[in-house]
Amino acid sequence: MTYPQLSDLEILQQLARLGTFEETAAERNETVAELRRRIDRLESCYEVPLLAPNPGGWELTPAGQVLLSYGRQLLGLAREAERAVQPQLGLPDTLVVGLADVLPKTLAWRLLSASGTDPHPTVRLRCLEGPTALLDQQLAEGTIDLVLSDAGPPAVQRVEVQLLGSTGLSLFASRDLADRLAQRGPRWLDGAPMLLPAPGSSMRADLDGWLRDHALQPVIVGEFDDSALIKAFAADGAGVFAMHDAVSFELQARRGFVRLAGLVGLQQRVYAHVRADRRQRAPVQRLLTLAPAAFVDEGDAAVLEIAT
């Protein structure tokens, strides 16, 4: 019998997650024709169809589901073997981390620095960014070691959740916009331009509830999946935005933003989603243990108050 190649099993795993050859080819930077050839080779190994068409693309057949279950174990063992060999060759350990796209990059860097990358690298980081649900799928498949997210327990198996810390939220703006808003009186946020996270994130839900509870109606001029885009637009004075207090120093001292006001009563939690079989790895343990130090608020005080 001809045994399958691990790379072919990896393609089957990605196809099961993405559902189409086109999306899988784009993610792998390969051609659709090459992926089809690799799946044909897998099916030839077992002489059974592994994929079946559905209205949205492709899905696993019962045989494909069985093979994928064993394939995930084989791929996980292969990655563990690679990590075990790396130190023997004098290479740094590799930590693959998924970053929820709503997390501020500065906060993500603070958390990751606890894994031993600074000041003398002993860990080689590979960071992937995207929606939490997609990252959790990859975590369950074993292609990611842990996910940093503002979302709580995921709806996938074999994944544990640990609270890393929490931080308050404040409103920030460019200096010019802050000066203009300061002239509007105590209800300055009413009618002010505002940049918000896209619907679906926990921060957006908290902000919507807070604004509703305080009877405030800013003008929403943009919604963004990526926190870096929010700051890019805000730097040009496009609007007020909410961000974690833990990164206030970087926003003020390095980016020139002004902290307008704290959002009293709001706390954003950050969680680590981790597979149980990866929890005992040294860089994972260091991150889980040292992460609370990343949530210190070192920024300047707010310059305005919010009257409701």
C-alpha atoms as a PDB file:
ATOM      1  CA  MET A   1       0.000   0.000   0.000  1.00  0.00           C
ATOM      2  CA  THR A   2       1.153   3.533  -0.785  1.00  0.00           C
ATOM      3  CA  TYR A   3       1.032   5.777   2.273  1.00  0.00           C
ATOM      4  CA  PRO A   4      -0.149   9.404   1.985  1.00  0.00           C
ATOM      5  CA  GLN A   5       2.196  12.339   2.186  1.00  0.00           C
ATOM      6  CA  LEU A   6       1.754  14.617   5.174  1.00  0.00           C
ATOM      7  CA  SER A   7       1.490  17.664   2.919  1.00  0.00           C
ATOM      8  CA  ASP A   8      -1.463  16.048   1.131  1.00  0.00           C
ATOM      9  CA  LEU A   9      -3.193  15.482   4.477  1.00  0.00           C
ATOM     10  CA  GLU A  10      -2.577  19.133   5.305  1.00  0.00           C
ATOM     11  CA  ILE A  11      -4.343  20.137   2.091  1.00  0.00           C
ATOM     12  CA  LEU A  12      -7.302  17.918   2.960  1.00  0.00           C
ATOM     13  CA  GLN A  13      -7.463  19.581   6.374  1.00  0.00           C
ATOM     14  CA  GLN A  14      -7.479  23.065   4.834  1.00  0.00           C
ATOM     15  CA  LEU A  15     -10.122  22.075   2.278  1.00  0.00           C
ATOM     16  CA  ALA A  16     -12.338  20.802   5.071  1.00  0.00           C
ATOM     17  CA  ARG A  17     -11.984  24.138   6.861  1.00  0.00           C
ATOM     18  CA  LEU A  18     -12.333  26.493   3.866  1.00  0.00           C
ATOM     19  CA  GLY A  19     -14.733  24.498   1.693  1.00  0.00           C
ATOM     20  CA  THR A  20     -13.366  25.412  -1.762  1.00  0.00           C
ATOM     21  CA  PHE A  21     -10.287  24.678  -3.830  1.00  0.00           C
ATOM     22  CA  GLU A  22     -10.016  28.353  -4.755  1.00  0.00           C
ATOM     23  CA  GLU A  23      -9.774  29.608  -1.155  1.00  0.00           C
ATOM     24  CA  THR A  24      -7.387  26.810  -0.213  1.00  0.00           C
ATOM     25  CA  ALA A  25      -5.168  27.557  -3.211  1.00  0.00           C
ATOM     26  CA  ALA A  26      -5.069  31.248  -2.269  1.00  0.00           C
ATOM     27  CA  GLU A  27      -4.157  30.454   1.349  1.00  0.00           C
ATOM     28  CA  ARG A  28      -1.386  28.081   0.259  1.00  0.00           C
ATOM     29  CA  ASN A  29      -0.220  30.216  -2.673  1.00  0.00           C
ATOM     30  CA  GLU A  30      -0.630  27.236  -5.014  1.00  0.00           C
ATOM     31  CA  THR A  31      -2.777  26.547  -8.062  1.00  0.00           C
ATOM     32  CA  VAL A  32      -6.172  24.878  -7.989  1.00  0.00           C
ATOM     33  CA  ALA A  33      -4.908  22.314 -10.491  1.00  0.00           C
ATOM     34  CA  GLU A  34      -2.048  21.331  -8.176  1.00  0.00           C
ATOM     35  CA  LEU A  35      -4.402  20.918  -5.215  1.00  0.00           C
ATOM     36  CA  ARG A  36      -6.774  18.775  -7.245  1.00  0.00           C
ATOM     37  CA  ARG A  37      -3.835  16.585  -8.291  1.00  0.00           C
ATOM     38  CA  ARG A  38      -2.802  16.161  -4.651  1.00  0.00           C
ATOM     39  CA  ILE A  39      -6.341  15.207  -3.568  1.00  0.00           C
ATOM     40  CA  ASP A  40      -6.552  12.725  -6.474  1.00  0.00           C
ATOM     41  CA  ARG A  41      -3.317  11.188  -5.177  1.00  0.00           C
ATOM     42  CA  LEU A  42      -4.833  10.851  -1.700  1.00  0.00           C
ATOM     43  CA  GLU A  43      -7.962   9.210  -3.070  1.00  0.00           C
ATOM     44  CA  SER A  44      -5.804   6.806  -5.078  1.00  0.00           C
ATOM     45  CA  CYS A  45      -4.040   5.731  -1.886  1.00  0.00           C
ATOM     46  CA  TYR A  46      -7.310   4.562  -0.331  1.00  0.00           C
ATOM     47  CA  GLU A  47      -9.347   3.910  -3.489  1.00  0.00           C
ATOM     48  CA  VAL A  48     -12.304   5.849  -2.071  1.00  0.00           C
ATOM     49  CA  PRO A  49     -13.721   9.375  -2.617  1.00  0.00           C
ATOM     50  CA  LEU A  50     -12.705  11.800   0.111  1.00  0.00           C
ATOM     51  CA  LEU A  51     -14.625  14.885  -1.078  1.00  0.00           C
ATOM     52  CA  ALA A  52     -18.156  15.436  -2.377  1.00  0.00           C
ATOM     53  CA  PRO A  53     -19.613  18.585  -3.963  1.00  0.00           C
ATOM     54  CA  ASN A  54     -22.117  20.707  -2.064  1.00  0.00           C
ATOM     55  CA  PRO A  55     -23.878  23.977  -3.019  1.00  0.00           C
ATOM     56  CA  GLY A  56     -21.049  26.083  -1.565  1.00  0.00           C
ATOM     57  CA  GLY A  57     -18.084  24.046  -2.738  1.00  0.00           C
ATOM     58  CA  TRP A  58     -16.873  20.743  -1.287  1.00  0.00           C
ATOM     59  CA  GLU A  59     -17.351  18.708   1.868  1.00  0.00           C
ATOM     60  CA  LEU A  60     -15.764  15.587   3.285  1.00  0.00           C
ATOM     61  CA  THR A  61     -17.291  12.199   2.596  1.00  0.00           C
ATOM     62  CA  PRO A  62     -17.581   9.789   5.545  1.00  0.00           C
ATOM     63  CA  ALA A  63     -14.264   8.275   4.471  1.00  0.00           C
ATOM     64  CA  GLY A  64     -12.757  11.760   4.254  1.00  0.00           C
ATOM     65  CA  GLN A  65     -13.888  12.522   7.794  1.00  0.00           C
ATOM     66  CA  VAL A  66     -12.250   9.345   9.113  1.00  0.00           C
ATOM     67  CA  LEU A  67      -9.010  10.083   7.261  1.00  0.00           C
ATOM     68  CA  LEU A  68      -8.972  13.696   8.465  1.00  0.00           C
ATOM     69  CA  SER A  69      -9.325  12.537  12.083  1.00  0.00           C
ATOM     70  CA  TYR A  70      -6.193  10.394  11.762  1.00  0.00           C
ATOM     71  CA  GLY A  71      -4.499  13.010   9.588  1.00  0.00           C
ATOM     72  CA  ARG A  72      -4.782  15.640  12.309  1.00  0.00           C
ATOM     73  CA  GLN A  73      -3.053  13.303  14.738  1.00  0.00           C
ATOM     74  CA  LEU A  74      -0.267  12.560  12.262  1.00  0.00           C
ATOM     75  CA  LEU A  75       0.272  16.246  11.475  1.00  0.00           C
ATOM     76  CA  GLY A  76       0.299  17.093  15.171  1.00  0.00           C
ATOM     77  CA  LEU A  77       2.925  14.428  15.853  1.00  0.00           C
ATOM     78  CA  ALA A  78       5.027  15.669  12.950  1.00  0.00           C
ATOM     79  CA  ARG A  79       4.998  19.225  14.314  1.00  0.00           C
ATOM     80  CA  GLU A  80       5.861  17.996  17.802  1.00  0.00           C
ATOM     81  CA  ALA A  81       8.767  16.009  16.365  1.00  0.00           C
ATOM     82  CA  GLU A  82      10.028  19.118  14.575  1.00  0.00           C
ATOM     83  CA  ARG A  83       9.871  21.130  17.790  1.00  0.00           C
ATOM     84  CA  ALA A  84      11.666  18.381  19.727  1.00  0.00           C
ATOM     85  CA  VAL A  85      14.501  18.269  17.187  1.00  0.00           C
ATOM     86  CA  GLN A  86      15.006  22.045  16.879  1.00  0.00           C
ATOM     87  CA  PRO A  87      16.786  22.533  20.244  1.00  0.00           C
ATOM     88  CA  GLN A  88      19.158  19.667  19.406  1.00  0.00           C
ATOM     89  CA  LEU A  89      20.198  21.619  16.312  1.00  0.00           C
ATOM     90  CA  GLY A  90      20.680  24.845  18.260  1.00  0.00           C
ATOM     91  CA  LEU A  91      17.551  26.362  16.710  1.00  0.00           C
ATOM     92  CA  PRO A  92      15.036  28.438  18.714  1.00  0.00           C
ATOM     93  CA  ASP A  93      11.753  26.857  19.716  1.00  0.00           C
ATOM     94  CA  THR A  94       8.820  27.824  17.475  1.00  0.00           C
ATOM     95  CA  LEU A  95       5.580  29.228  18.867  1.00  0.00           C
ATOM     96  CA  VAL A  96       2.668  29.682  16.450  1.00  0.00           C
ATOM     97  CA  VAL A  97       0.201  32.249  17.795  1.00  0.00           C
ATOM     98  CA  GLY A  98      -3.136  33.365  16.406  1.00  0.00           C
ATOM     99  CA  LEU A  99      -3.998  37.005  17.093  1.00  0.00           C
ATOM    100  CA  ALA A 100      -7.628  38.115  16.993  1.00  0.00           C
ATOM    101  CA  ASP A 101      -7.747  41.052  14.585  1.00  0.00           C
ATOM    102  CA  VAL A 102      -9.571  43.238  17.124  1.00  0.00           C
ATOM    103  CA  LEU A 103      -6.665  43.134  19.612  1.00  0.00           C
ATOM    104  CA  PRO A 104      -4.380  46.197  19.601  1.00  0.00           C
ATOM    105  CA  LYS A 105      -1.018  45.231  18.135  1.00  0.00           C
ATOM    106  CA  THR A 106       0.826  46.900  21.017  1.00  0.00           C
ATOM    107  CA  LEU A 107      -1.054  44.800  23.571  1.00  0.00           C
ATOM    108  CA  ALA A 108      -0.376  41.677  21.509  1.00  0.00           C
ATOM    109  CA  TRP A 109       3.338  42.523  21.480  1.00  0.00           C
ATOM    110  CA  ARG A 110       3.347  42.980  25.256  1.00  0.00           C
ATOM    111  CA  LEU A 111       1.721  39.608  25.749  1.00  0.00           C
ATOM    112  CA  LEU A 112       4.013  37.839  23.310  1.00  0.00           C
ATOM    113  CA  SER A 113       7.165  39.349  24.788  1.00  0.00           C
ATOM    114  CA  ALA A 114       6.403  37.316  27.895  1.00  0.00           C
ATOM    115  CA  SER A 115       7.041  34.141  25.887  1.00  0.00           C
ATOM    116  CA  GLY A 116      10.804  34.695  25.973  1.00  0.00           C
ATOM    117  CA  THR A 117      11.446  36.611  22.743  1.00  0.00           C
ATOM    118  CA  ASP A 118      13.053  39.610  24.437  1.00  0.00           C
ATOM    119  CA  PRO A 119      15.852  40.523  24.956  1.00  0.00           C
ATOM    120  CA  HIS A 120      17.649  37.282  23.924  1.00  0.00           C
ATOM    121  CA  PRO A 121      15.411  35.307  21.566  1.00  0.00           C
ATOM    122  CA  THR A 122      14.896  31.717  22.596  1.00  0.00           C
ATOM    123  CA  VAL A 123      11.590  31.427  20.764  1.00  0.00           C
ATOM    124  CA  ARG A 124      10.835  31.944  17.107  1.00  0.00           C
ATOM    125  CA  LEU A 125       7.368  33.451  16.834  1.00  0.00           C
ATOM    126  CA  ARG A 126       5.036  32.903  13.935  1.00  0.00           C
ATOM    127  CA  CYS A 127       1.955  35.116  14.206  1.00  0.00           C
ATOM    128  CA  LEU A 128      -1.280  34.688  12.263  1.00  0.00           C
ATOM    129  CA  GLU A 129      -4.059  37.269  12.366  1.00  0.00           C
ATOM    130  CA  GLY A 130      -7.750  36.838  11.692  1.00  0.00           C
ATOM    131  CA  PRO A 131     -11.230  36.362  13.167  1.00  0.00           C
ATOM    132  CA  THR A 132     -11.248  34.398  16.413  1.00  0.00           C
ATOM    133  CA  ALA A 133     -13.560  31.677  15.058  1.00  0.00           C
ATOM    134  CA  LEU A 134     -11.220  30.929  12.156  1.00  0.00           C
ATOM    135  CA  LEU A 135      -8.148  30.933  14.404  1.00  0.00           C
ATOM    136  CA  ASP A 136      -9.858  28.562  16.849  1.00  0.00           C
ATOM    137  CA  GLN A 137     -10.496  26.119  14.014  1.00  0.00           C
ATOM    138  CA  GLN A 138      -6.807  26.148  13.165  1.00  0.00           C
ATOM    139  CA  LEU A 139      -6.005  25.750  16.850  1.00  0.00           C
ATOM    140  CA  ALA A 140      -8.187  22.647  17.030  1.00  0.00           C
ATOM    141  CA  GLU A 141      -6.455  21.301  13.917  1.00  0.00           C
ATOM    142  CA  GLY A 142      -3.074  21.732  15.604  1.00  0.00           C
ATOM    143  CA  THR A 143      -1.600  24.286  13.194  1.00  0.00           C
ATOM    144  CA  ILE A 144      -1.611  26.972  15.950  1.00  0.00           C
ATOM    145  CA  ASP A 145      -0.318  26.606  19.511  1.00  0.00           C
ATOM    146  CA  LEU A 146      -2.530  29.248  21.110  1.00  0.00           C
ATOM    147  CA  VAL A 147      -4.896  32.102  20.254  1.00  0.00           C
ATOM    148  CA  LEU A 148      -5.032  35.519  21.946  1.00  0.00           C
ATOM    149  CA  SER A 149      -8.546  36.931  21.815  1.00  0.00           C
ATOM    150  CA  ASP A 150     -11.175  39.020  23.568  1.00  0.00           C
ATOM    151  CA  ALA A 151     -13.633  36.142  23.159  1.00  0.00           C
ATOM    152  CA  GLY A 152     -14.345  33.577  25.848  1.00  0.00           C
ATOM    153  CA  PRO A 153     -14.727  29.802  25.462  1.00  0.00           C
ATOM    154  CA  PRO A 154     -14.808  28.745  21.784  1.00  0.00           C
ATOM    155  CA  ALA A 155     -17.256  26.268  20.301  1.00  0.00           C
ATOM    156  CA  VAL A 156     -14.537  23.777  19.342  1.00  0.00           C
ATOM    157  CA  GLN A 157     -13.250  20.670  21.053  1.00  0.00           C
ATOM    158  CA  ARG A 158      -9.821  20.099  22.610  1.00  0.00           C
ATOM    159  CA  VAL A 159      -9.405  23.813  23.383  1.00  0.00           C
ATOM    160  CA  GLU A 160      -9.056  25.289  26.872  1.00  0.00           C
ATOM    161  CA  VAL A 161      -9.417  28.964  27.830  1.00  0.00           C
ATOM    162  CA  GLN A 162      -7.463  30.968  30.390  1.00  0.00           C
ATOM    163  CA  LEU A 163      -8.118  34.580  31.341  1.00  0.00           C
ATOM    164  CA  LEU A 164      -4.865  36.513  30.933  1.00  0.00           C
ATOM    165  CA  GLY A 165      -6.046  39.839  32.325  1.00  0.00           C
ATOM    166  CA  SER A 166      -8.451  42.718  31.939  1.00  0.00           C
ATOM    167  CA  THR A 167      -8.177  46.399  31.137  1.00  0.00           C
ATOM    168  CA  GLY A 168     -10.493  49.380  31.061  1.00  0.00           C
ATOM    169  CA  LEU A 169     -11.444  51.299  27.939  1.00  0.00           C
ATOM    170  CA  SER A 170     -10.954  54.984  27.147  1.00  0.00           C
ATOM    171  CA  LEU A 171     -11.801  57.263  24.249  1.00  0.00           C
ATOM    172  CA  PHE A 172      -8.921  58.758  22.255  1.00  0.00           C
ATOM    173  CA  ALA A 173      -8.628  61.252  19.401  1.00  0.00           C
ATOM    174  CA  SER A 174      -6.058  63.262  17.481  1.00  0.00           C
ATOM    175  CA  ARG A 175      -4.938  66.520  19.104  1.00  0.00           C
ATOM    176  CA  ASP A 176      -6.873  68.702  16.620  1.00  0.00           C
ATOM    177  CA  LEU A 177     -10.108  66.767  17.051  1.00  0.00           C
ATOM    178  CA  ALA A 178      -9.692  66.741  20.847  1.00  0.00           C
ATOM    179  CA  ASP A 179      -9.340  70.546  20.876  1.00  0.00           C
ATOM    180  CA  ARG A 180     -12.527  70.943  18.836  1.00  0.00           C
ATOM    181  CA  LEU A 181     -14.506  68.534  20.998  1.00  0.00           C
ATOM    182  CA  ALA A 182     -13.390  70.319  24.177  1.00  0.00           C
ATOM    183  CA  GLN A 183     -15.324  73.398  22.997  1.00  0.00           C
ATOM    184  CA  ARG A 184     -18.625  71.544  22.658  1.00  0.00           C
ATOM    185  CA  GLY A 185     -19.605  71.333  26.316  1.00  0.00           C
ATOM    186  CA  PRO A 186     -20.220  68.379  28.632  1.00  0.00           C
ATOM    187  CA  ARG A 187     -22.145  66.292  26.067  1.00  0.00           C
ATOM    188  CA  TRP A 188     -19.340  66.569  23.538  1.00  0.00           C
ATOM    189  CA  LEU A 189     -19.692  62.941  22.449  1.00  0.00           C
ATOM    190  CA  ASP A 190     -23.215  63.489  21.075  1.00  0.00           C
ATOM    191  CA  GLY A 191     -22.846  63.947  17.320  1.00  0.00           C
ATOM    192  CA  ALA A 192     -19.063  63.516  17.440  1.00  0.00           C
ATOM    193  CA  PRO A 193     -17.504  61.404  14.643  1.00  0.00           C
ATOM    194  CA  MET A 194     -16.634  57.935  15.933  1.00  0.00           C
ATOM    195  CA  LEU A 195     -14.659  54.970  14.623  1.00  0.00           C
ATOM    196  CA  LEU A 196     -15.891  51.608  15.919  1.00  0.00           C
ATOM    197  CA  PRO A 197     -14.830  47.968  15.787  1.00  0.00           C
ATOM    198  CA  ALA A 198     -16.879  45.935  13.334  1.00  0.00           C
ATOM    199  CA  PRO A 199     -20.047  44.292  14.680  1.00  0.00           C
ATOM    200  CA  GLY A 200     -19.481  40.873  16.199  1.00  0.00           C
ATOM    201  CA  SER A 201     -16.576  41.649  18.525  1.00  0.00           C
ATOM    202  CA  SER A 202     -17.001  41.794  22.296  1.00  0.00           C
ATOM    203  CA  MET A 203     -15.646  45.356  22.348  1.00  0.00           C
ATOM    204  CA  ARG A 204     -18.277  46.508  19.861  1.00  0.00           C
ATOM    205  CA  ALA A 205     -21.046  44.912  21.895  1.00  0.00           C
ATOM    206  CA  ASP A 206     -19.771  46.617  25.047  1.00  0.00           C
ATOM    207  CA  LEU A 207     -19.483  50.007  23.330  1.00  0.00           C
ATOM    208  CA  ASP A 208     -22.960  49.780  21.807  1.00  0.00           C
ATOM    209  CA  GLY A 209     -24.432  48.933  25.214  1.00  0.00           C
ATOM    210  CA  TRP A 210     -22.512  51.710  26.966  1.00  0.00           C
ATOM    211  CA  LEU A 211     -23.606  54.361  24.459  1.00  0.00           C
ATOM    212  CA  ARG A 212     -27.201  53.177  24.657  1.00  0.00           C
ATOM    213  CA  ASP A 213     -27.210  53.157  28.461  1.00  0.00           C
ATOM    214  CA  HIS A 214     -25.839  56.709  28.557  1.00  0.00           C
ATOM    215  CA  ALA A 215     -28.181  58.016  25.833  1.00  0.00           C
ATOM    216  CA  LEU A 216     -25.264  59.157  23.654  1.00  0.00           C
ATOM    217  CA  GLN A 217     -25.408  59.165  19.860  1.00  0.00           C
ATOM    218  CA  PRO A 218     -22.093  59.798  18.135  1.00  0.00           C
ATOM    219  CA  VAL A 219     -21.964  59.724  14.337  1.00  0.00           C
ATOM    220  CA  ILE A 220     -20.423  56.422  13.247  1.00  0.00           C
ATOM    221  CA  VAL A 221     -18.113  57.248  10.347  1.00  0.00           C
ATOM    222  CA  GLY A 222     -16.369  53.884  10.081  1.00  0.00           C
ATOM    223  CA  GLU A 223     -16.411  50.270  11.262  1.00  0.00           C
ATOM    224  CA  PHE A 224     -13.222  48.209  11.136  1.00  0.00           C
ATOM    225  CA  ASP A 225     -12.126  44.621  11.731  1.00  0.00           C
ATOM    226  CA  ASP A 226      -8.526  45.724  12.285  1.00  0.00           C
ATOM    227  CA  SER A 227      -7.576  47.929  15.241  1.00  0.00           C
ATOM    228  CA  ALA A 228      -4.545  49.210  13.320  1.00  0.00           C
ATOM    229  CA  LEU A 229      -6.853  50.648  10.649  1.00  0.00           C
ATOM    230  CA  ILE A 230      -8.896  52.430  13.309  1.00  0.00           C
ATOM    231  CA  LYS A 231      -5.751  54.169  14.578  1.00  0.00           C
ATOM    232  CA  ALA A 232      -4.634  55.031  11.043  1.00  0.00           C
ATOM    233  CA  PHE A 233      -7.911  56.826  10.326  1.00  0.00           C
ATOM    234  CA  ALA A 234      -7.985  58.430  13.767  1.00  0.00           C
ATOM    235  CA  ALA A 235      -4.496  59.848  13.271  1.00  0.00           C
ATOM    236  CA  ASP A 236      -5.922  62.044  10.500  1.00  0.00           C
ATOM    237  CA  GLY A 237      -8.723  63.276  12.754  1.00  0.00           C
ATOM    238  CA  ALA A 238     -11.426  61.057  11.242  1.00  0.00           C
ATOM    239  CA  GLY A 239     -13.022  60.304  14.584  1.00  0.00           C
ATOM    240  CA  VAL A 240     -12.954  59.358  18.226  1.00  0.00           C
ATOM    241  CA  PHE A 241     -12.085  55.736  18.981  1.00  0.00           C
ATOM    242  CA  ALA A 242     -12.076  53.449  22.013  1.00  0.00           C
ATOM    243  CA  MET A 243      -8.961  51.533  22.992  1.00  0.00           C
ATOM    244  CA  HIS A 244      -7.637  49.515  25.909  1.00  0.00           C
ATOM    245  CA  ASP A 245      -6.173  51.500  28.800  1.00  0.00           C
ATOM    246  CA  ALA A 246      -3.233  49.097  28.857  1.00  0.00           C
ATOM    247  CA  VAL A 247      -1.908  50.653  25.632  1.00  0.00           C
ATOM    248  CA  SER A 248      -2.676  54.274  26.540  1.00  0.00           C
ATOM    249  CA  PHE A 249       0.984  55.196  27.031  1.00  0.00           C
ATOM    250  CA  GLU A 250       1.908  54.065  23.527  1.00  0.00           C
ATOM    251  CA  LEU A 251      -1.099  55.869  22.032  1.00  0.00           C
ATOM    252  CA  GLN A 252      -0.235  59.128  23.788  1.00  0.00           C
ATOM    253  CA  ALA A 253       3.562  59.189  23.892  1.00  0.00           C
ATOM    254  CA  ARG A 254       4.328  57.514  20.585  1.00  0.00           C
ATOM    255  CA  ARG A 255       1.271  58.192  18.433  1.00  0.00           C
ATOM    256  CA  GLY A 256       0.305  61.652  19.709  1.00  0.00           C
ATOM    257  CA  PHE A 257      -3.296  60.792  20.589  1.00  0.00           C
ATOM    258  CA  VAL A 258      -5.139  62.499  23.443  1.00  0.00           C
ATOM    259  CA  ARG A 259      -7.010  60.471  26.045  1.00  0.00           C
ATOM    260  CA  LEU A 260     -10.417  62.136  26.123  1.00  0.00           C
ATOM    261  CA  ALA A 261     -12.289  60.186  28.797  1.00  0.00           C
ATOM    262  CA  GLY A 262     -12.523  56.821  30.469  1.00  0.00           C
ATOM    263  CA  LEU A 263     -15.544  54.626  29.857  1.00  0.00           C
ATOM    264  CA  VAL A 264     -16.520  53.933  33.435  1.00  0.00           C
ATOM    265  CA  GLY A 265     -17.792  50.425  34.031  1.00  0.00           C
ATOM    266  CA  LEU A 266     -16.320  48.843  30.905  1.00  0.00           C
ATOM    267  CA  GLN A 267     -13.638  46.185  31.197  1.00  0.00           C
ATOM    268  CA  GLN A 268     -12.154  44.264  28.292  1.00  0.00           C
ATOM    269  CA  ARG A 269     -10.856  40.789  29.035  1.00  0.00           C
ATOM    270  CA  VAL A 270      -8.171  39.049  27.044  1.00  0.00           C
ATOM    271  CA  TYR A 271      -8.047  35.273  26.914  1.00  0.00           C
ATOM    272  CA  ALA A 272      -5.600  32.624  25.786  1.00  0.00           C
ATOM    273  CA  HIS A 273      -7.191  29.752  23.877  1.00  0.00           C
ATOM    274  CA  VAL A 274      -4.814  26.805  24.058  1.00  0.00           C
ATOM    275  CA  ARG A 275      -4.846  23.109  23.298  1.00  0.00           C
ATOM    276  CA  ALA A 276      -4.372  20.947  26.374  1.00  0.00           C
ATOM    277  CA  ASP A 277      -1.461  19.117  24.752  1.00  0.00           C
ATOM    278  CA  ARG A 278       0.396  22.418  24.143  1.00  0.00           C
ATOM    279  CA  ARG A 279      -0.145  23.946  27.591  1.00  0.00           C
ATOM    280  CA  GLN A 280       3.003  22.407  29.084  1.00  0.00           C
ATOM    281  CA  ARG A 281       5.353  23.817  26.432  1.00  0.00           C
ATOM    282  CA  ALA A 282       7.841  26.222  28.020  1.00  0.00           C
ATOM    283  CA  PRO A 283       6.991  29.343  25.918  1.00  0.00           C
ATOM    284  CA  VAL A 284       3.268  28.759  26.429  1.00  0.00           C
ATOM    285  CA  GLN A 285       3.759  28.390  30.180  1.00  0.00           C
ATOM    286  CA  ARG A 286       5.805  31.609  30.327  1.00  0.00           C
ATOM    287  CA  LEU A 287       3.165  33.549  28.435  1.00  0.00           C
ATOM    288  CA  LEU A 288       0.322  32.268  30.601  1.00  0.00           C
ATOM    289  CA  THR A 289       2.265  33.032  33.785  1.00  0.00           C
ATOM    290  CA  LEU A 290       3.728  36.447  32.910  1.00  0.00           C
ATOM    291  CA  ALA A 291       0.879  37.923  30.860  1.00  0.00           C
ATOM    292  CA  PRO A 292      -0.737  39.926  33.724  1.00  0.00           C
ATOM    293  CA  ALA A 293       2.189  42.393  33.609  1.00  0.00           C
ATOM    294  CA  ALA A 294       1.000  43.504  30.157  1.00  0.00           C
ATOM    295  CA  PHE A 295      -2.189  45.085  31.529  1.00  0.00           C
ATOM    296  CA  VAL A 296      -0.663  48.001  33.445  1.00  0.00           C
ATOM    297  CA  ASP A 297      -2.088  51.452  32.549  1.00  0.00           C
ATOM    298  CA  GLU A 298       0.836  53.906  32.320  1.00  0.00           C
ATOM    299  CA  GLY A 299      -0.821  56.637  30.279  1.00  0.00           C
ATOM    300  CA  ASP A 300      -1.683  60.245  31.116  1.00  0.00           C
ATOM    301  CA  ALA A 301      -5.038  61.131  32.673  1.00  0.00           C
ATOM    302  CA  ALA A 302      -8.108  61.943  30.590  1.00  0.00           C
ATOM    303  CA  VAL A 303      -8.686  65.593  29.652  1.00  0.00           C
ATOM    304  CA  LEU A 304     -12.495  65.579  29.415  1.00  0.00           C
ATOM    305  CA  GLU A 305     -15.489  64.188  31.238  1.00  0.00           C
ATOM    306  CA  ILE A 306     -18.596  62.669  29.730  1.00  0.00           C
ATOM    307  CA  ALA A 307     -21.855  64.136  31.010  1.00  0.00           C
ATOM    308  CA  THR A 308     -24.992  62.103  30.504  1.00  0.00           C
END
